[in-house]
Amino acid sequence: MSKPDSENTIALAALPPPPPPPSQDTLLQQYLIELQTNPIRTKAITSATLNALSEILASYVAGEKDPKTGSYISARVPKMALYGFFVSAPLSHYLVNALQRAFKGKTGGAWKIAQIVASQLLVTPIQNSVFLIFMSVFAGARSLSQVYASWKQAFLTVQKSSWISSPLVMAFAQKFIPEHAWVPFFSLFAFFLVTYNNIIVKKKRQAQLKKDQDKSE
């Protein structure tokens, strides 16, 4: 004799629920959702991760090893991660948001060009200057004169690389990338640009150190 229906129901209810179907969201979609719900936190984690990786890659390309350990993973790596989390990401968040708000709803070729010009004259100089200031401090600069000398030595070179590459990337984003996907797109671009700029700064610093050593001998 079969069990009553109520007993079958209780028995089934005691079983663990079936696993949920696999999510159809791609990693990019999940990332974009996080950007919508927790924008600054998501950008901060992204920037910290990419900055740490950028520092390791730049050190390897520039041939700069930690003098104590002989490794390309130096004490600057966690500093770069902290810089990305607490400085770079919030700064970029508010600068880019301000730029997007200023040009929101404005269409046409002239407005797109104006947005690129505004980005190059206002946003990138601020970002590059802050980057160079922190890099000089991480490298050992302690006085304002040392920080300024380091900034002055590298700013124009770094800014030129931004002026050459950023307008092309901005124009590409305006044409092909939906605005809600600009953050991951520009984060990836920034990773390569920061790595390149970091390599330049490291090589210039190495050349200056060698020059100072030659003078002292």
N, C-alpha and C. Protein backbone atom coordinates (compact mmCIF):
# COMPACT_ATOMS: atom_id res chain seq x y z
N MET A 1 0.85 -1.20 0.00
CA MET A 1 0.00 0.00 0.00
C MET A 1 0.88 1.24 0.00
N SER A 2 0.58 2.18 -0.88
CA SER A 2 1.43 3.37 -1.00
C SER A 2 1.16 4.33 0.13
N LYS A 3 2.16 5.18 0.39
CA LYS A 3 2.02 6.19 1.43
C LYS A 3 1.01 7.24 1.00
N PRO A 4 0.34 7.85 1.99
CA PRO A 4 -0.56 8.94 1.65
C PRO A 4 0.21 10.06 0.97
N ASP A 5 -0.54 10.87 0.21
CA ASP A 5 0.09 11.99 -0.50
C ASP A 5 0.78 12.94 0.45
N SER A 6 0.20 13.16 1.65
CA SER A 6 0.80 14.10 2.59
C SER A 6 2.17 13.62 3.03
N GLU A 7 2.34 12.31 3.21
CA GLU A 7 3.62 11.78 3.62
C GLU A 7 4.64 11.92 2.50
N ASN A 8 4.19 11.68 1.24
CA ASN A 8 5.09 11.87 0.11
C ASN A 8 5.55 13.32 0.02
N THR A 9 4.63 14.25 0.30
CA THR A 9 4.97 15.67 0.25
C THR A 9 6.01 16.01 1.29
N ILE A 10 5.83 15.48 2.53
CA ILE A 10 6.79 15.74 3.59
C ILE A 10 8.15 15.16 3.24
N ALA A 11 8.15 13.95 2.67
CA ALA A 11 9.42 13.32 2.31
C ALA A 11 10.16 14.13 1.26
N LEU A 12 9.42 14.63 0.27
CA LEU A 12 10.05 15.44 -0.77
C LEU A 12 10.56 16.76 -0.21
N ALA A 13 9.79 17.33 0.73
CA ALA A 13 10.19 18.61 1.30
C ALA A 13 11.47 18.49 2.09
N ALA A 14 11.73 17.29 2.63
CA ALA A 14 12.93 17.10 3.43
C ALA A 14 14.19 17.02 2.58
N LEU A 15 14.01 16.75 1.28
CA LEU A 15 15.17 16.66 0.40
C LEU A 15 15.77 18.04 0.16
N PRO A 16 17.07 18.11 -0.07
CA PRO A 16 17.67 19.42 -0.37
C PRO A 16 17.15 19.95 -1.70
N PRO A 17 17.00 21.26 -1.82
CA PRO A 17 16.48 21.82 -3.08
C PRO A 17 17.47 21.57 -4.21
N PRO A 18 16.96 21.44 -5.42
CA PRO A 18 17.87 21.22 -6.55
C PRO A 18 18.77 22.43 -6.75
N PRO A 19 19.98 22.22 -7.24
CA PRO A 19 20.88 23.36 -7.45
C PRO A 19 20.31 24.31 -8.48
N PRO A 20 20.55 25.62 -8.30
CA PRO A 20 20.03 26.57 -9.27
C PRO A 20 20.69 26.37 -10.62
N PRO A 21 19.99 26.70 -11.68
CA PRO A 21 20.59 26.56 -13.01
C PRO A 21 21.80 27.47 -13.13
N PRO A 22 22.78 27.07 -13.91
CA PRO A 22 23.97 27.90 -14.05
C PRO A 22 23.61 29.27 -14.60
N SER A 23 24.29 30.28 -14.06
CA SER A 23 24.00 31.65 -14.48
C SER A 23 24.40 31.85 -15.94
N GLN A 24 23.56 32.57 -16.65
CA GLN A 24 23.85 32.85 -18.04
C GLN A 24 24.62 34.16 -18.20
N ASP A 25 24.81 34.88 -17.09
CA ASP A 25 25.53 36.15 -17.15
C ASP A 25 27.00 35.91 -17.44
N THR A 26 27.54 36.69 -18.30
CA THR A 26 28.97 36.63 -18.55
C THR A 26 29.70 37.37 -17.44
N LEU A 27 31.00 37.18 -17.39
CA LEU A 27 31.80 37.87 -16.39
C LEU A 27 31.68 39.38 -16.56
N LEU A 28 31.65 39.84 -17.81
CA LEU A 28 31.50 41.27 -18.06
C LEU A 28 30.17 41.78 -17.55
N GLN A 29 29.10 41.02 -17.77
CA GLN A 29 27.78 41.45 -17.29
C GLN A 29 27.75 41.53 -15.77
N GLN A 30 28.35 40.55 -15.11
CA GLN A 30 28.41 40.57 -13.66
C GLN A 30 29.22 41.77 -13.16
N TYR A 31 30.29 42.05 -13.87
CA TYR A 31 31.12 43.21 -13.50
C TYR A 31 30.35 44.51 -13.67
N LEU A 32 29.59 44.62 -14.76
CA LEU A 32 28.81 45.83 -15.00
C LEU A 32 27.71 46.00 -13.95
N ILE A 33 27.15 44.88 -13.50
CA ILE A 33 26.15 44.95 -12.43
C ILE A 33 26.79 45.47 -11.14
N GLU A 34 28.00 44.97 -10.85
CA GLU A 34 28.71 45.46 -9.66
C GLU A 34 29.03 46.94 -9.79
N LEU A 35 29.34 47.38 -10.99
CA LEU A 35 29.61 48.80 -11.21
C LEU A 35 28.38 49.65 -10.92
N GLN A 36 27.22 49.11 -11.26
CA GLN A 36 25.99 49.85 -11.02
C GLN A 36 25.65 49.90 -9.54
N THR A 37 25.86 48.80 -8.84
CA THR A 37 25.45 48.72 -7.43
C THR A 37 26.52 49.26 -6.48
N ASN A 38 27.79 49.01 -6.80
CA ASN A 38 28.89 49.47 -5.93
C ASN A 38 30.00 50.07 -6.80
N PRO A 39 29.75 51.23 -7.39
CA PRO A 39 30.69 51.75 -8.40
C PRO A 39 32.09 52.03 -7.88
N ILE A 40 32.20 52.76 -6.77
CA ILE A 40 33.53 53.14 -6.30
C ILE A 40 34.29 51.93 -5.78
N ARG A 41 33.61 51.06 -5.04
CA ARG A 41 34.28 49.86 -4.52
C ARG A 41 34.79 48.98 -5.66
N THR A 42 33.95 48.79 -6.68
CA THR A 42 34.35 47.94 -7.81
C THR A 42 35.52 48.55 -8.56
N LYS A 43 35.46 49.86 -8.78
CA LYS A 43 36.56 50.53 -9.47
C LYS A 43 37.84 50.49 -8.63
N ALA A 44 37.69 50.62 -7.31
CA ALA A 44 38.85 50.61 -6.43
C ALA A 44 39.55 49.25 -6.45
N ILE A 45 38.77 48.19 -6.38
CA ILE A 45 39.35 46.84 -6.42
C ILE A 45 40.01 46.59 -7.78
N THR A 46 39.34 47.03 -8.84
CA THR A 46 39.91 46.87 -10.18
C THR A 46 41.22 47.62 -10.31
N SER A 47 41.22 48.87 -9.87
CA SER A 47 42.42 49.70 -9.98
C SER A 47 43.56 49.15 -9.13
N ALA A 48 43.25 48.68 -7.94
CA ALA A 48 44.29 48.12 -7.07
C ALA A 48 44.93 46.90 -7.71
N THR A 49 44.11 46.03 -8.27
CA THR A 49 44.62 44.81 -8.91
C THR A 49 45.47 45.14 -10.13
N LEU A 50 44.94 46.00 -11.00
CA LEU A 50 45.66 46.33 -12.22
C LEU A 50 46.94 47.11 -11.93
N ASN A 51 46.91 47.99 -10.93
CA ASN A 51 48.11 48.76 -10.59
C ASN A 51 49.22 47.86 -10.06
N ALA A 52 48.85 46.88 -9.25
CA ALA A 52 49.85 45.95 -8.73
C ALA A 52 50.47 45.15 -9.87
N LEU A 53 49.63 44.65 -10.77
CA LEU A 53 50.13 43.90 -11.92
C LEU A 53 50.98 44.80 -12.82
N SER A 54 50.55 46.04 -12.97
CA SER A 54 51.29 46.99 -13.81
C SER A 54 52.68 47.25 -13.25
N GLU A 55 52.78 47.38 -11.93
CA GLU A 55 54.07 47.63 -11.30
C GLU A 55 55.02 46.45 -11.52
N ILE A 56 54.51 45.24 -11.39
CA ILE A 56 55.35 44.06 -11.61
C ILE A 56 55.83 44.00 -13.06
N LEU A 57 54.90 44.24 -13.99
CA LEU A 57 55.25 44.18 -15.41
C LEU A 57 56.24 45.28 -15.78
N ALA A 58 56.00 46.50 -15.28
CA ALA A 58 56.90 47.62 -15.58
C ALA A 58 58.30 47.37 -15.01
N SER A 59 58.37 46.83 -13.81
CA SER A 59 59.67 46.52 -13.21
C SER A 59 60.42 45.48 -14.04
N TYR A 60 59.68 44.51 -14.53
CA TYR A 60 60.31 43.46 -15.34
C TYR A 60 60.85 44.03 -16.65
N VAL A 61 60.04 44.84 -17.33
CA VAL A 61 60.46 45.40 -18.62
C VAL A 61 61.62 46.38 -18.44
N ALA A 62 61.56 47.19 -17.38
CA ALA A 62 62.61 48.18 -17.13
C ALA A 62 63.85 47.56 -16.50
N GLY A 63 63.75 46.31 -16.07
CA GLY A 63 64.89 45.65 -15.44
C GLY A 63 65.19 46.17 -14.05
N GLU A 64 64.16 46.62 -13.36
CA GLU A 64 64.34 47.18 -12.02
C GLU A 64 63.94 46.13 -10.98
N LYS A 65 64.93 45.65 -10.24
CA LYS A 65 64.68 44.65 -9.21
C LYS A 65 64.81 45.26 -7.83
N ASP A 66 64.15 44.63 -6.88
CA ASP A 66 64.27 45.06 -5.49
C ASP A 66 65.70 44.81 -5.03
N PRO A 67 66.42 45.85 -4.57
CA PRO A 67 67.82 45.65 -4.19
C PRO A 67 68.00 44.69 -3.02
N LYS A 68 66.98 44.52 -2.21
CA LYS A 68 67.09 43.64 -1.05
C LYS A 68 66.82 42.19 -1.41
N THR A 69 65.84 41.96 -2.26
CA THR A 69 65.43 40.59 -2.56
C THR A 69 65.85 40.13 -3.95
N GLY A 70 66.19 41.08 -4.82
CA GLY A 70 66.53 40.72 -6.19
C GLY A 70 65.34 40.27 -7.00
N SER A 71 64.14 40.60 -6.53
CA SER A 71 62.90 40.20 -7.19
C SER A 71 62.25 41.40 -7.86
N TYR A 72 61.47 41.12 -8.89
CA TYR A 72 60.70 42.18 -9.53
C TYR A 72 59.49 42.58 -8.70
N ILE A 73 59.14 41.75 -7.74
CA ILE A 73 58.02 42.07 -6.84
C ILE A 73 58.60 42.78 -5.63
N SER A 74 58.56 44.08 -5.67
CA SER A 74 59.16 44.89 -4.62
C SER A 74 58.10 45.42 -3.67
N ALA A 75 58.55 46.22 -2.71
CA ALA A 75 57.63 46.83 -1.76
C ALA A 75 56.71 47.84 -2.43
N ARG A 76 57.06 48.24 -3.66
CA ARG A 76 56.21 49.18 -4.39
C ARG A 76 54.91 48.54 -4.86
N VAL A 77 54.89 47.22 -4.97
CA VAL A 77 53.68 46.55 -5.48
C VAL A 77 52.48 46.79 -4.56
N PRO A 78 52.58 46.51 -3.25
CA PRO A 78 51.43 46.82 -2.39
C PRO A 78 51.14 48.32 -2.31
N LYS A 79 52.19 49.15 -2.43
CA LYS A 79 51.96 50.59 -2.43
C LYS A 79 51.14 51.01 -3.65
N MET A 80 51.46 50.41 -4.79
CA MET A 80 50.71 50.72 -6.00
C MET A 80 49.27 50.24 -5.89
N ALA A 81 49.08 49.10 -5.24
CA ALA A 81 47.72 48.61 -5.03
C ALA A 81 46.93 49.57 -4.14
N LEU A 82 47.57 50.05 -3.08
CA LEU A 82 46.91 51.01 -2.19
C LEU A 82 46.63 52.32 -2.92
N TYR A 83 47.59 52.74 -3.74
CA TYR A 83 47.39 53.96 -4.54
C TYR A 83 46.18 53.79 -5.47
N GLY A 84 46.09 52.64 -6.11
CA GLY A 84 44.96 52.40 -7.00
C GLY A 84 43.64 52.38 -6.27
N PHE A 85 43.65 51.78 -5.08
CA PHE A 85 42.40 51.63 -4.32
C PHE A 85 41.93 52.96 -3.73
N PHE A 86 42.84 53.70 -3.11
CA PHE A 86 42.44 54.89 -2.36
C PHE A 86 42.57 56.20 -3.12
N VAL A 87 43.37 56.23 -4.19
CA VAL A 87 43.63 57.50 -4.88
C VAL A 87 43.16 57.45 -6.33
N SER A 88 43.75 56.55 -7.10
CA SER A 88 43.51 56.54 -8.54
C SER A 88 42.05 56.27 -8.88
N ALA A 89 41.46 55.25 -8.27
CA ALA A 89 40.09 54.89 -8.61
C ALA A 89 39.08 55.98 -8.24
N PRO A 90 39.10 56.48 -6.99
CA PRO A 90 38.14 57.56 -6.67
C PRO A 90 38.36 58.80 -7.52
N LEU A 91 39.62 59.15 -7.76
CA LEU A 91 39.91 60.34 -8.58
C LEU A 91 39.35 60.17 -9.98
N SER A 92 39.63 59.05 -10.61
CA SER A 92 39.13 58.80 -11.96
C SER A 92 37.61 58.75 -11.99
N HIS A 93 37.03 58.15 -10.95
CA HIS A 93 35.57 58.03 -10.88
C HIS A 93 34.91 59.41 -10.95
N TYR A 94 35.37 60.32 -10.12
CA TYR A 94 34.73 61.63 -10.06
C TYR A 94 35.08 62.50 -11.28
N LEU A 95 36.30 62.37 -11.79
CA LEU A 95 36.67 63.15 -12.96
C LEU A 95 35.89 62.70 -14.20
N VAL A 96 35.82 61.39 -14.41
CA VAL A 96 35.11 60.87 -15.58
C VAL A 96 33.61 61.13 -15.46
N ASN A 97 33.07 60.97 -14.26
CA ASN A 97 31.65 61.25 -14.06
C ASN A 97 31.33 62.72 -14.35
N ALA A 98 32.21 63.60 -13.91
CA ALA A 98 32.00 65.03 -14.17
C ALA A 98 32.05 65.31 -15.67
N LEU A 99 32.98 64.65 -16.36
CA LEU A 99 33.09 64.83 -17.81
C LEU A 99 31.85 64.31 -18.52
N GLN A 100 31.37 63.14 -18.10
CA GLN A 100 30.18 62.57 -18.74
C GLN A 100 28.94 63.42 -18.46
N ARG A 101 28.84 63.95 -17.24
CA ARG A 101 27.68 64.81 -16.92
C ARG A 101 27.72 66.10 -17.74
N ALA A 102 28.92 66.63 -17.93
CA ALA A 102 29.04 67.88 -18.67
C ALA A 102 28.61 67.73 -20.13
N PHE A 103 28.80 66.53 -20.68
CA PHE A 103 28.48 66.32 -22.09
C PHE A 103 27.28 65.39 -22.29
N LYS A 104 26.55 65.11 -21.23
CA LYS A 104 25.41 64.22 -21.34
C LYS A 104 24.33 64.85 -22.22
N GLY A 105 23.83 64.05 -23.16
CA GLY A 105 22.77 64.53 -24.04
C GLY A 105 23.25 65.35 -25.21
N LYS A 106 24.54 65.64 -25.26
CA LYS A 106 25.08 66.44 -26.35
C LYS A 106 25.63 65.50 -27.42
N THR A 107 25.09 65.60 -28.61
CA THR A 107 25.47 64.70 -29.69
C THR A 107 26.07 65.50 -30.84
N GLY A 108 26.61 64.78 -31.78
CA GLY A 108 27.21 65.44 -32.94
C GLY A 108 28.72 65.43 -32.86
N GLY A 109 29.34 65.56 -34.02
CA GLY A 109 30.79 65.49 -34.10
C GLY A 109 31.50 66.57 -33.30
N ALA A 110 30.95 67.78 -33.31
CA ALA A 110 31.60 68.89 -32.60
C ALA A 110 31.65 68.64 -31.10
N TRP A 111 30.55 68.09 -30.55
CA TRP A 111 30.52 67.82 -29.11
C TRP A 111 31.46 66.67 -28.75
N LYS A 112 31.58 65.68 -29.63
CA LYS A 112 32.51 64.58 -29.37
C LYS A 112 33.95 65.08 -29.34
N ILE A 113 34.27 65.96 -30.27
CA ILE A 113 35.61 66.55 -30.28
C ILE A 113 35.84 67.39 -29.03
N ALA A 114 34.81 68.14 -28.64
CA ALA A 114 34.92 68.97 -27.44
C ALA A 114 35.15 68.11 -26.20
N GLN A 115 34.49 66.96 -26.14
CA GLN A 115 34.68 66.05 -25.00
C GLN A 115 36.11 65.52 -24.95
N ILE A 116 36.65 65.18 -26.11
CA ILE A 116 38.03 64.70 -26.17
C ILE A 116 39.00 65.79 -25.73
N VAL A 117 38.78 67.02 -26.22
CA VAL A 117 39.66 68.14 -25.86
C VAL A 117 39.59 68.41 -24.36
N ALA A 118 38.37 68.41 -23.81
CA ALA A 118 38.22 68.64 -22.37
C ALA A 118 38.92 67.56 -21.56
N SER A 119 38.82 66.33 -22.03
CA SER A 119 39.48 65.23 -21.33
C SER A 119 41.00 65.42 -21.34
N GLN A 120 41.54 65.85 -22.48
CA GLN A 120 42.99 65.99 -22.61
C GLN A 120 43.54 67.20 -21.87
N LEU A 121 42.75 68.26 -21.78
CA LEU A 121 43.23 69.49 -21.14
C LEU A 121 42.95 69.54 -19.65
N LEU A 122 41.98 68.75 -19.19
CA LEU A 122 41.59 68.83 -17.78
C LEU A 122 41.81 67.51 -17.03
N VAL A 123 41.30 66.42 -17.59
CA VAL A 123 41.30 65.15 -16.86
C VAL A 123 42.69 64.51 -16.84
N THR A 124 43.27 64.29 -18.01
CA THR A 124 44.54 63.56 -18.05
C THR A 124 45.69 64.31 -17.37
N PRO A 125 45.80 65.65 -17.47
CA PRO A 125 46.89 66.30 -16.73
C PRO A 125 46.78 66.11 -15.22
N ILE A 126 45.55 66.12 -14.71
CA ILE A 126 45.36 65.90 -13.27
C ILE A 126 45.75 64.47 -12.90
N GLN A 127 45.26 63.51 -13.67
CA GLN A 127 45.57 62.11 -13.39
C GLN A 127 47.07 61.85 -13.49
N ASN A 128 47.70 62.36 -14.53
CA ASN A 128 49.14 62.13 -14.71
C ASN A 128 49.96 62.81 -13.62
N SER A 129 49.56 64.01 -13.22
CA SER A 129 50.31 64.72 -12.18
C SER A 129 50.22 63.98 -10.85
N VAL A 130 49.02 63.54 -10.50
CA VAL A 130 48.86 62.79 -9.25
C VAL A 130 49.66 61.49 -9.31
N PHE A 131 49.62 60.82 -10.45
CA PHE A 131 50.39 59.59 -10.63
C PHE A 131 51.88 59.84 -10.41
N LEU A 132 52.42 60.88 -11.04
CA LEU A 132 53.85 61.15 -10.94
C LEU A 132 54.25 61.57 -9.53
N ILE A 133 53.39 62.31 -8.86
CA ILE A 133 53.69 62.72 -7.48
C ILE A 133 53.81 61.50 -6.57
N PHE A 134 52.86 60.60 -6.68
CA PHE A 134 52.91 59.41 -5.84
C PHE A 134 54.08 58.50 -6.22
N MET A 135 54.39 58.42 -7.53
CA MET A 135 55.52 57.60 -7.94
C MET A 135 56.83 58.14 -7.37
N SER A 136 56.96 59.46 -7.33
CA SER A 136 58.19 60.04 -6.79
C SER A 136 58.30 59.78 -5.29
N VAL A 137 57.18 59.86 -4.58
CA VAL A 137 57.19 59.57 -3.15
C VAL A 137 57.53 58.10 -2.91
N PHE A 138 56.95 57.22 -3.70
CA PHE A 138 57.25 55.79 -3.56
C PHE A 138 58.72 55.50 -3.86
N ALA A 139 59.31 56.33 -4.73
CA ALA A 139 60.71 56.13 -5.10
C ALA A 139 61.68 56.73 -4.08
N GLY A 140 61.14 57.46 -3.10
CA GLY A 140 62.01 57.98 -2.05
C GLY A 140 62.05 59.48 -1.92
N ALA A 141 61.34 60.21 -2.78
CA ALA A 141 61.32 61.67 -2.67
C ALA A 141 60.58 62.07 -1.39
N ARG A 142 61.16 63.01 -0.66
CA ARG A 142 60.56 63.42 0.60
C ARG A 142 60.29 64.93 0.67
N SER A 143 61.09 65.72 0.00
CA SER A 143 60.88 67.16 0.03
C SER A 143 60.06 67.60 -1.19
N LEU A 144 59.46 68.78 -1.08
CA LEU A 144 58.68 69.30 -2.19
C LEU A 144 59.54 69.52 -3.42
N SER A 145 60.79 69.94 -3.20
CA SER A 145 61.68 70.17 -4.33
C SER A 145 62.00 68.87 -5.05
N GLN A 146 62.16 67.78 -4.31
CA GLN A 146 62.42 66.49 -4.93
C GLN A 146 61.20 66.00 -5.71
N VAL A 147 60.03 66.17 -5.12
CA VAL A 147 58.80 65.76 -5.80
C VAL A 147 58.61 66.58 -7.08
N TYR A 148 58.83 67.88 -6.97
CA TYR A 148 58.66 68.76 -8.14
C TYR A 148 59.67 68.41 -9.23
N ALA A 149 60.91 68.15 -8.85
CA ALA A 149 61.93 67.81 -9.83
C ALA A 149 61.57 66.52 -10.56
N SER A 150 61.06 65.55 -9.82
CA SER A 150 60.66 64.28 -10.43
C SER A 150 59.48 64.49 -11.36
N TRP A 151 58.50 65.29 -10.92
CA TRP A 151 57.34 65.58 -11.76
C TRP A 151 57.75 66.31 -13.03
N LYS A 152 58.61 67.31 -12.88
CA LYS A 152 59.04 68.12 -14.02
C LYS A 152 59.80 67.28 -15.04
N GLN A 153 60.57 66.33 -14.57
CA GLN A 153 61.38 65.51 -15.46
C GLN A 153 60.53 64.60 -16.33
N ALA A 154 59.42 64.10 -15.78
CA ALA A 154 58.66 63.07 -16.50
C ALA A 154 57.31 63.54 -17.03
N PHE A 155 56.80 64.68 -16.55
CA PHE A 155 55.42 65.05 -16.88
C PHE A 155 55.19 65.20 -18.38
N LEU A 156 56.05 65.94 -19.05
CA LEU A 156 55.81 66.21 -20.47
C LEU A 156 55.84 64.92 -21.29
N THR A 157 56.77 64.03 -20.97
CA THR A 157 56.84 62.76 -21.69
C THR A 157 55.58 61.93 -21.47
N VAL A 158 55.16 61.85 -20.21
CA VAL A 158 53.96 61.09 -19.88
C VAL A 158 52.72 61.72 -20.52
N GLN A 159 52.66 63.06 -20.46
CA GLN A 159 51.50 63.75 -21.02
C GLN A 159 51.43 63.59 -22.53
N LYS A 160 52.58 63.60 -23.18
CA LYS A 160 52.59 63.40 -24.63
C LYS A 160 52.02 62.04 -25.01
N SER A 161 52.40 61.02 -24.23
CA SER A 161 51.87 59.69 -24.53
C SER A 161 50.36 59.66 -24.36
N SER A 162 49.85 60.41 -23.39
CA SER A 162 48.40 60.49 -23.20
C SER A 162 47.75 61.26 -24.34
N TRP A 163 48.37 62.36 -24.76
CA TRP A 163 47.81 63.16 -25.84
C TRP A 163 47.76 62.39 -27.15
N ILE A 164 48.71 61.49 -27.34
CA ILE A 164 48.73 60.71 -28.58
C ILE A 164 47.71 59.58 -28.54
N SER A 165 47.68 58.85 -27.43
CA SER A 165 46.86 57.64 -27.37
C SER A 165 45.42 57.89 -26.92
N SER A 166 45.24 58.76 -25.94
CA SER A 166 43.90 58.93 -25.35
C SER A 166 42.85 59.42 -26.34
N PRO A 167 43.14 60.41 -27.20
CA PRO A 167 42.10 60.82 -28.16
C PRO A 167 41.65 59.70 -29.07
N LEU A 168 42.60 58.86 -29.48
CA LEU A 168 42.23 57.74 -30.35
C LEU A 168 41.34 56.75 -29.61
N VAL A 169 41.69 56.49 -28.35
CA VAL A 169 40.90 55.55 -27.56
C VAL A 169 39.52 56.14 -27.25
N MET A 170 39.49 57.43 -26.93
CA MET A 170 38.21 58.09 -26.66
C MET A 170 37.31 58.07 -27.89
N ALA A 171 37.89 58.37 -29.05
CA ALA A 171 37.11 58.34 -30.29
C ALA A 171 36.59 56.93 -30.57
N PHE A 172 37.43 55.94 -30.31
CA PHE A 172 37.01 54.54 -30.50
C PHE A 172 35.85 54.21 -29.57
N ALA A 173 35.95 54.64 -28.30
CA ALA A 173 34.88 54.36 -27.33
C ALA A 173 33.58 55.05 -27.74
N GLN A 174 33.69 56.30 -28.19
CA GLN A 174 32.49 57.02 -28.61
C GLN A 174 31.80 56.33 -29.78
N LYS A 175 32.58 55.70 -30.63
CA LYS A 175 32.03 55.09 -31.84
C LYS A 175 31.53 53.67 -31.61
N PHE A 176 32.27 52.89 -30.82
CA PHE A 176 32.00 51.45 -30.78
C PHE A 176 31.62 50.90 -29.40
N ILE A 177 31.92 51.62 -28.32
CA ILE A 177 31.69 51.07 -26.98
C ILE A 177 30.48 51.74 -26.35
N PRO A 178 29.48 50.97 -25.90
CA PRO A 178 28.35 51.60 -25.20
C PRO A 178 28.82 52.27 -23.92
N GLU A 179 28.19 53.37 -23.56
CA GLU A 179 28.68 54.20 -22.46
C GLU A 179 28.75 53.43 -21.15
N HIS A 180 27.83 52.47 -20.94
CA HIS A 180 27.85 51.73 -19.68
C HIS A 180 29.05 50.79 -19.59
N ALA A 181 29.72 50.54 -20.72
CA ALA A 181 30.90 49.67 -20.72
C ALA A 181 32.20 50.46 -20.80
N TRP A 182 32.11 51.78 -20.66
CA TRP A 182 33.32 52.59 -20.75
C TRP A 182 34.30 52.30 -19.62
N VAL A 183 33.79 52.04 -18.43
CA VAL A 183 34.68 51.85 -17.28
C VAL A 183 35.62 50.66 -17.48
N PRO A 184 35.12 49.45 -17.79
CA PRO A 184 36.08 48.36 -18.01
C PRO A 184 36.97 48.59 -19.22
N PHE A 185 36.43 49.24 -20.25
CA PHE A 185 37.24 49.51 -21.44
C PHE A 185 38.39 50.45 -21.11
N PHE A 186 38.08 51.55 -20.42
CA PHE A 186 39.13 52.51 -20.08
C PHE A 186 40.05 51.98 -18.98
N SER A 187 39.55 51.09 -18.14
CA SER A 187 40.41 50.47 -17.13
C SER A 187 41.49 49.63 -17.80
N LEU A 188 41.08 48.89 -18.84
CA LEU A 188 42.05 48.08 -19.57
C LEU A 188 43.05 48.96 -20.30
N PHE A 189 42.54 50.02 -20.92
CA PHE A 189 43.44 50.96 -21.60
C PHE A 189 44.40 51.61 -20.60
N ALA A 190 43.86 52.02 -19.44
CA ALA A 190 44.70 52.66 -18.42
C ALA A 190 45.79 51.72 -17.92
N PHE A 191 45.47 50.43 -17.85
CA PHE A 191 46.48 49.45 -17.41
C PHE A 191 47.70 49.49 -18.32
N PHE A 192 47.46 49.48 -19.63
CA PHE A 192 48.58 49.50 -20.57
C PHE A 192 49.27 50.86 -20.58
N LEU A 193 48.49 51.94 -20.47
CA LEU A 193 49.10 53.27 -20.49
C LEU A 193 49.92 53.51 -19.22
N VAL A 194 49.38 53.13 -18.07
CA VAL A 194 50.11 53.31 -16.81
C VAL A 194 51.37 52.45 -16.81
N THR A 195 51.27 51.24 -17.34
CA THR A 195 52.45 50.38 -17.41
C THR A 195 53.52 51.03 -18.28
N TYR A 196 53.11 51.55 -19.42
CA TYR A 196 54.06 52.22 -20.32
C TYR A 196 54.68 53.44 -19.64
N ASN A 197 53.84 54.27 -19.02
CA ASN A 197 54.36 55.46 -18.33
C ASN A 197 55.29 55.08 -17.18
N ASN A 198 54.93 54.02 -16.48
CA ASN A 198 55.75 53.57 -15.36
C ASN A 198 57.12 53.09 -15.84
N ILE A 199 57.13 52.43 -16.99
CA ILE A 199 58.41 51.99 -17.58
C ILE A 199 59.28 53.21 -17.90
N ILE A 200 58.65 54.23 -18.49
CA ILE A 200 59.39 55.45 -18.83
C ILE A 200 59.97 56.09 -17.57
N VAL A 201 59.15 56.21 -16.53
CA VAL A 201 59.60 56.83 -15.28
C VAL A 201 60.75 56.04 -14.68
N LYS A 202 60.64 54.72 -14.67
CA LYS A 202 61.69 53.88 -14.10
C LYS A 202 63.00 54.03 -14.87
N LYS A 203 62.91 54.03 -16.19
CA LYS A 203 64.13 54.15 -17.00
C LYS A 203 64.76 55.53 -16.83
N LYS A 204 63.94 56.57 -16.74
CA LYS A 204 64.48 57.91 -16.52
C LYS A 204 65.15 58.00 -15.15
N ARG A 205 64.52 57.38 -14.15
CA ARG A 205 65.11 57.40 -12.81
C ARG A 205 66.43 56.63 -12.79
N GLN A 206 66.48 55.50 -13.47
CA GLN A 206 67.72 54.72 -13.53
C GLN A 206 68.82 55.51 -14.24
N ALA A 207 68.45 56.21 -15.32
CA ALA A 207 69.44 57.01 -16.04
C ALA A 207 69.96 58.15 -15.18
N GLN A 208 69.06 58.76 -14.40
CA GLN A 208 69.48 59.86 -13.52
C GLN A 208 70.38 59.35 -12.41
N LEU A 209 70.05 58.20 -11.85
CA LEU A 209 70.89 57.62 -10.80
C LEU A 209 72.28 57.28 -11.33
N LYS A 210 72.33 56.74 -12.54
CA LYS A 210 73.62 56.41 -13.15
C LYS A 210 74.43 57.68 -13.41
N LYS A 211 73.73 58.72 -13.85
CA LYS A 211 74.40 60.00 -14.10
C LYS A 211 74.97 60.58 -12.82
N ASP A 212 74.19 60.51 -11.74
CA ASP A 212 74.65 61.02 -10.45
C ASP A 212 75.84 60.21 -9.93
N GLN A 213 75.80 58.90 -10.14
CA GLN A 213 76.91 58.05 -9.70
C GLN A 213 78.18 58.35 -10.48
N ASP A 214 78.03 58.60 -11.78
CA ASP A 214 79.20 58.92 -12.61
C ASP A 214 79.83 60.25 -12.17
N LYS A 215 78.98 61.19 -11.77
CA LYS A 215 79.50 62.49 -11.33
C LYS A 215 80.25 62.36 -10.02
N SER A 216 79.76 61.48 -9.14
CA SER A 216 80.38 61.34 -7.83
C SER A 216 81.70 60.58 -7.88
N GLU A 217 81.94 59.85 -8.96
CA GLU A 217 83.18 59.06 -9.06
C GLU A 217 84.34 59.92 -9.56
